[in-house]
Protein backbone atom coordinates (compact mmCIF):
# COMPACT_ATOMS: atom_id res chain seq x y z
CA UNK A 1 -24.71 59.64 -21.89
CA UNK A 2 -21.91 60.31 -19.41
CA UNK A 3 -18.79 61.77 -21.03
CA UNK A 4 -15.42 62.05 -19.32
CA UNK A 5 -12.02 63.63 -19.91
CA UNK A 6 -9.16 61.63 -18.47
CA UNK A 7 -5.39 61.20 -18.31
CA UNK A 8 -4.03 58.13 -20.05
CA UNK A 9 -0.28 57.68 -19.57
CA UNK A 10 0.24 61.44 -19.51
CA UNK A 11 -2.02 62.12 -22.50
CA UNK A 12 -5.40 63.85 -22.26
CA UNK A 13 -8.14 61.67 -23.77
CA UNK A 14 -11.93 61.63 -23.70
CA UNK A 15 -14.69 59.07 -23.99
CA UNK A 16 -18.00 57.93 -22.60
CA UNK A 17 -18.84 55.72 -19.64
CA UNK A 18 -19.97 52.18 -20.39
CA UNK A 19 -20.42 50.13 -17.25
CA UNK A 20 -17.13 50.15 -15.35
CA UNK A 21 -15.12 51.25 -18.39
CA UNK A 22 -14.46 54.40 -20.35
CA UNK A 23 -14.80 53.88 -24.11
CA UNK A 24 -12.15 56.16 -25.61
CA UNK A 25 -13.31 58.23 -28.58
CA UNK A 26 -10.45 60.65 -29.17
CA UNK A 27 -7.57 62.79 -27.93
CA UNK A 28 -7.94 65.95 -25.88
CA UNK A 29 -10.81 67.05 -23.69
CA UNK A 30 -14.52 67.17 -24.56
CA UNK A 31 -14.39 70.42 -26.53
CA UNK A 32 -14.96 68.72 -29.90
CA UNK A 33 -17.78 66.58 -28.52
CA UNK A 34 -19.60 69.57 -27.05
CA UNK A 35 -19.17 71.57 -30.27
CA UNK A 36 -20.62 68.69 -32.30
CA UNK A 37 -17.54 68.19 -34.45
CA UNK A 38 -17.08 64.67 -33.13
CA UNK A 39 -19.74 61.97 -33.00
CA UNK A 40 -19.52 58.88 -30.83
CA UNK A 41 -16.98 56.38 -32.15
CA UNK A 42 -17.88 52.73 -31.75
CA UNK A 43 -15.33 50.12 -30.74
CA UNK A 44 -12.77 52.49 -29.18
CA UNK A 45 -10.24 51.37 -26.60
CA UNK A 46 -11.79 50.48 -23.24
CA UNK A 47 -10.09 51.92 -20.16
CA UNK A 48 -11.10 50.79 -16.66
CA UNK A 49 -12.69 53.67 -14.77
CA UNK A 50 -11.16 52.50 -11.49
CA UNK A 51 -7.69 53.91 -11.08
CA UNK A 52 -7.99 56.33 -14.00
CA UNK A 53 -7.30 59.98 -13.31
CA UNK A 54 -10.40 61.93 -14.33
CA UNK A 55 -10.01 65.57 -15.37
CA UNK A 56 -12.41 68.47 -15.73
CA UNK A 57 -14.70 67.83 -18.75
CA UNK A 58 -13.19 70.88 -20.48
CA UNK A 59 -9.76 71.92 -19.28
CA UNK A 60 -9.97 75.57 -20.36
CA UNK A 61 -13.59 76.67 -20.87
CA UNK A 62 -14.18 79.68 -23.06
CA UNK A 63 -16.10 81.44 -20.29
CA UNK A 64 -16.84 80.45 -16.70
CA UNK A 65 -20.00 82.33 -15.75
CA UNK A 66 -21.35 82.18 -12.20
CA UNK A 67 -24.54 83.26 -10.46
CA UNK A 68 -24.76 84.83 -7.01
CA UNK A 69 -27.74 84.65 -4.64
CA UNK A 70 -29.70 82.19 -6.76
CA UNK A 71 -31.16 79.92 -4.05
CA UNK A 72 -33.70 81.36 -1.65
CA UNK A 73 -32.32 79.27 1.22
CA UNK A 74 -28.85 80.73 0.69
CA UNK A 75 -30.26 84.26 0.50
CA UNK A 76 -32.18 83.92 3.76
CA UNK A 77 -29.40 82.15 5.70
CA UNK A 78 -27.43 85.39 5.46
CA UNK A 79 -30.31 87.30 7.04
CA UNK A 80 -31.75 88.80 3.87
CA UNK A 81 -35.34 88.51 2.68
CA UNK A 82 -36.28 86.09 -0.08
CA UNK A 83 -35.82 87.56 -3.53
CA UNK A 84 -39.00 88.35 -5.43
CA UNK A 85 -38.73 86.30 -8.60
CA UNK A 86 -41.02 88.54 -10.62
CA UNK A 87 -38.69 91.55 -10.33
CA UNK A 88 -35.28 89.97 -9.56
CA UNK A 89 -32.60 89.67 -12.23
CA UNK A 90 -29.68 87.22 -12.20
CA UNK A 91 -26.45 88.42 -10.57
CA UNK A 92 -23.74 87.27 -12.97
CA UNK A 93 -19.98 87.29 -12.46
CA UNK A 94 -17.06 85.44 -14.05
CA UNK A 95 -14.24 83.24 -12.86
CA UNK A 96 -10.94 82.93 -14.77
CA UNK A 97 -10.11 79.69 -16.54
CA UNK A 98 -7.27 79.15 -14.04
CA UNK A 99 -9.96 78.45 -11.44
CA UNK A 100 -11.04 75.23 -13.20
CA UNK A 101 -9.69 71.94 -11.83
CA UNK A 102 -10.89 68.35 -12.02
CA UNK A 103 -12.07 65.80 -9.45
CA UNK A 104 -9.61 64.73 -6.73
CA UNK A 105 -7.30 67.56 -7.71
CA UNK A 106 -6.19 69.35 -4.54
CA UNK A 107 -6.95 73.00 -3.99
CA UNK A 108 -4.34 75.01 -2.15
CA UNK A 109 -5.43 77.15 0.77
CA UNK A 110 -3.89 80.32 -0.59
CA UNK A 111 -2.33 82.56 2.10
CA UNK A 112 -4.33 85.47 0.68
CA UNK A 113 -7.37 84.21 2.63
CA UNK A 114 -8.20 82.74 6.03
CA UNK A 115 -11.80 82.01 5.08
CA UNK A 116 -12.08 79.64 2.12
CA UNK A 117 -15.68 78.49 1.72
CA UNK A 118 -17.52 75.78 -0.24
CA UNK A 119 -20.54 76.06 -2.58
CA UNK A 120 -21.96 73.00 -4.36
CA UNK A 121 -23.47 74.00 -7.70
CA UNK A 122 -24.75 72.60 -10.99
CA UNK A 123 -22.55 73.40 -13.97
CA UNK A 124 -24.40 73.95 -17.26
CA UNK A 125 -22.37 73.35 -20.44
CA UNK A 126 -23.38 75.30 -23.55
CA UNK A 127 -23.50 73.17 -26.69
CA UNK A 128 -24.95 75.55 -29.30
CA UNK A 129 -24.12 79.19 -29.80
CA UNK A 130 -26.68 81.37 -28.05
CA UNK A 131 -27.31 85.06 -28.66
CA UNK A 132 -30.47 86.70 -27.34
CA UNK A 133 -32.32 83.40 -27.08
CA UNK A 134 -35.80 83.22 -25.57
CA UNK A 135 -36.21 81.44 -22.25
CA UNK A 136 -38.54 78.92 -23.93
CA UNK A 137 -35.72 77.88 -26.31
CA UNK A 138 -32.78 78.23 -23.95
CA UNK A 139 -32.42 74.59 -22.93
CA UNK A 140 -32.00 73.66 -26.59
CA UNK A 141 -28.58 75.30 -26.33
CA UNK A 142 -27.46 73.18 -23.36
CA UNK A 143 -25.23 70.19 -24.08
CA UNK A 144 -25.25 68.81 -20.56
CA UNK A 145 -24.56 69.18 -16.86
CA UNK A 146 -21.84 68.50 -14.28
CA UNK A 147 -21.33 68.82 -10.55
CA UNK A 148 -19.24 71.82 -9.49
CA UNK A 149 -17.98 73.65 -6.41
CA UNK A 150 -17.69 77.44 -6.44
CA UNK A 151 -14.98 77.94 -3.83
CA UNK A 152 -15.02 81.43 -2.37
CA UNK A 153 -12.53 83.42 -0.30
CA UNK A 154 -14.68 85.26 2.22
CA UNK A 155 -11.73 87.35 3.40
CA UNK A 156 -8.69 88.71 1.57
CA UNK A 157 -5.32 89.52 3.15
CA UNK A 158 -4.14 92.18 0.69
CA UNK A 159 -1.45 93.84 2.78
CA UNK A 160 -3.19 97.21 2.77
CA UNK A 161 -5.58 99.09 4.99
CA UNK A 162 -9.16 98.91 3.76
CA UNK A 163 -10.36 102.34 2.66
CA UNK A 164 -13.95 101.82 3.79
CA UNK A 165 -15.46 102.94 0.51
CA UNK A 166 -18.78 101.42 -0.48
CA UNK A 167 -17.32 99.49 -3.41
CA UNK A 168 -14.48 97.95 -1.38
CA UNK A 169 -16.64 95.19 0.08
CA UNK A 170 -18.09 94.32 -3.31
CA UNK A 171 -14.72 94.01 -5.01
CA UNK A 172 -13.29 92.02 -2.09
CA UNK A 173 -16.20 89.60 -2.55
CA UNK A 174 -15.71 89.49 -6.32
CA UNK A 175 -11.93 89.05 -6.20
CA UNK A 176 -12.42 86.30 -3.63
CA UNK A 177 -14.00 84.22 -6.41
CA UNK A 178 -10.91 84.26 -8.63
CA UNK A 179 -8.35 82.08 -6.85
CA UNK A 180 -6.55 79.30 -8.70
CA UNK A 181 -8.41 76.02 -8.33
CA UNK A 182 -11.57 77.65 -7.04
CA UNK A 183 -13.88 75.97 -9.60
CA UNK A 184 -13.64 72.18 -9.35
CA UNK A 185 -15.88 70.55 -11.98
CA UNK A 186 -16.64 66.88 -12.68
CA UNK A 187 -16.30 63.99 -12.66
CA UNK A 188 -18.43 63.63 -15.80
CA UNK A 189 -20.52 65.64 -18.21
CA UNK A 190 -24.03 64.18 -18.38
CA UNK A 191 -25.87 64.97 -21.60
CA UNK A 192 -29.07 66.97 -21.40
CA UNK A 193 -31.25 64.07 -22.55
CA UNK A 194 -30.46 62.30 -19.27
CA UNK A 195 -31.58 65.34 -17.24
CA UNK A 196 -35.20 65.86 -18.27
CA UNK A 197 -35.80 68.56 -15.64
CA UNK A 198 -32.80 70.52 -14.32
CA UNK A 199 -35.18 72.11 -11.80
CA UNK A 200 -35.68 68.78 -10.02
CA UNK A 201 -32.16 67.86 -8.87
CA UNK A 202 -30.77 67.48 -5.35
CA UNK A 203 -27.40 68.87 -4.31
CA UNK A 204 -25.29 67.97 -1.28
CA UNK A 205 -21.84 68.84 0.00
CA UNK A 206 -19.95 67.27 2.87
CA UNK A 207 -16.71 68.26 4.57
CA UNK A 208 -14.81 65.41 6.21
CA UNK A 209 -17.95 63.29 6.00
CA UNK A 210 -20.24 65.85 7.65
CA UNK A 211 -23.09 67.07 5.45
CA UNK A 212 -22.99 70.86 5.19
CA UNK A 213 -25.36 71.50 2.27
CA UNK A 214 -28.51 69.64 1.23
CA UNK A 215 -30.74 71.42 -1.26
CA UNK A 216 -32.77 71.20 -4.44
CA UNK A 217 -32.80 73.14 -7.69
CA UNK A 218 -36.50 73.72 -7.05
CA UNK A 219 -35.27 76.47 -4.69
CA UNK A 220 -33.58 78.42 -7.48
CA UNK A 221 -34.58 82.05 -7.90
CA UNK A 222 -33.76 81.83 -11.62
CA UNK A 223 -34.10 78.57 -13.53
CA UNK A 224 -31.39 77.14 -15.78
CA UNK A 225 -33.41 78.23 -18.81
CA UNK A 226 -33.71 81.78 -17.52
CA UNK A 227 -29.99 81.95 -16.74
CA UNK A 228 -29.00 80.79 -20.23
CA UNK A 229 -31.42 83.25 -21.81
CA UNK A 230 -30.30 86.14 -19.61
CA UNK A 231 -26.58 85.51 -20.13
CA UNK A 232 -27.16 85.30 -23.89
CA UNK A 233 -28.57 88.83 -23.76
CA UNK A 234 -25.33 90.08 -22.20
CA UNK A 235 -22.87 88.16 -24.39
CA UNK A 236 -22.69 85.46 -27.03
CA UNK A 237 -22.52 82.02 -25.43
CA UNK A 238 -20.41 79.53 -27.34
CA UNK A 239 -19.97 75.75 -27.14
CA UNK A 240 -17.72 74.93 -24.21
CA UNK A 241 -18.80 77.89 -22.10
CA UNK A 242 -20.04 76.86 -18.66
CA UNK A 243 -22.46 78.45 -16.18
CA UNK A 244 -22.23 77.67 -12.45
CA UNK A 245 -25.77 78.26 -11.31
CA UNK A 246 -25.64 79.14 -7.60
CA UNK A 247 -25.65 77.29 -4.30
CA UNK A 248 -28.18 76.34 -1.60
CA UNK A 249 -27.90 77.08 2.12
CA UNK A 250 -25.15 75.63 4.29
CA UNK A 251 -22.03 77.57 3.34
CA UNK A 252 -19.29 78.05 5.92
CA UNK A 253 -19.85 81.80 6.16
CA UNK A 254 -23.12 81.13 8.00
CA UNK A 255 -21.40 79.47 10.96
CA UNK A 256 -17.91 80.95 10.64
CA UNK A 257 -16.38 77.54 9.96
CA UNK A 258 -14.06 77.52 6.95
CA UNK A 259 -11.77 75.11 5.15
CA UNK A 260 -8.33 74.14 6.44
CA UNK A 261 -5.47 72.02 5.05
CA UNK A 262 -6.37 68.36 5.41
CA UNK A 263 -10.10 68.91 4.86
CA UNK A 264 -11.85 66.89 2.21
CA UNK A 265 -14.99 68.04 0.37
CA UNK A 266 -17.43 65.91 -1.60
CA UNK A 267 -19.95 67.82 -3.69
CA UNK A 268 -22.67 65.75 -5.34
CA UNK A 269 -25.63 66.37 -7.61
CA UNK A 270 -27.93 63.39 -7.92
CA UNK A 271 -27.43 61.78 -11.31
CA UNK A 272 -24.38 63.89 -12.15
CA UNK A 273 -21.81 62.29 -9.88
CA UNK A 274 -19.75 63.02 -6.77
CA UNK A 275 -16.92 65.56 -7.00
CA UNK A 276 -14.12 65.03 -4.50
CA UNK A 277 -11.75 67.90 -3.60
CA UNK A 278 -9.01 67.78 -0.94
CA UNK A 279 -7.63 70.96 0.61
CA UNK A 280 -3.87 71.31 1.06
CA UNK A 281 -1.44 73.89 2.40
CA UNK A 282 0.26 76.18 -0.12
CA UNK A 283 2.90 74.30 -2.11
CA UNK A 284 5.05 77.33 -2.85
CA UNK A 285 5.21 80.70 -1.17
CA UNK A 286 7.43 83.22 -2.91
CA UNK A 287 9.09 85.95 -0.89
CA UNK A 288 10.32 89.18 -2.41
């Protein structure tokens, strides 16, 4: 089933896709659906999908977990060697909830960076609480999947000389993941029963109609099941948490071409939908 969160006359509503319509099942986003406190309501109001403003499936996820260096093609495009799966562990970081936006919502090119980059990814929505779960059972805790885009600031203009310490580069990279609007997700949340094998999905991303990324989840260093299991060893995963699972080759950092105002990205995972994100100039710049 394909679930959506949408805006109806200024009110947040949710429902499921039925042909060209959304069948409304309740107010608010999909939090209650994911948590299992709402079951599908029959005979709800039908809203035409065309012309309806679609929002992120969950507006404020409990946790937005992300995975770095999780596709071999992305690892090697930077000049590094392939990661050895038998000894590699997932590289987990977090984004703030203010990073999450929905489809067609513009992302501002913040003046803090001159190098905003794209990363098409699969978003994994947790549906059952998970704490120290085995890899073999991990997918039982997944409610479903969405298309996502882990936007990354490859440079930061912080108004200070860089001190050259070893950790400076790492924290610049990490802080470059935190910008407002840097985690577009959507348009829909596809339930796990419609994705029999999350390790057999194709991902693409285009900028202004030019394909930049074209990969497959078969290239993942760590599978979705392993990521859920590993994260559950570090922290309790709760319904509504989301994991962005890494990106294949083709990011802008490889060629030195980055996003600019007026650019338009389309990230797509086969079967999960196309996620459109325009880039705009900063709306407001405050001066002290």
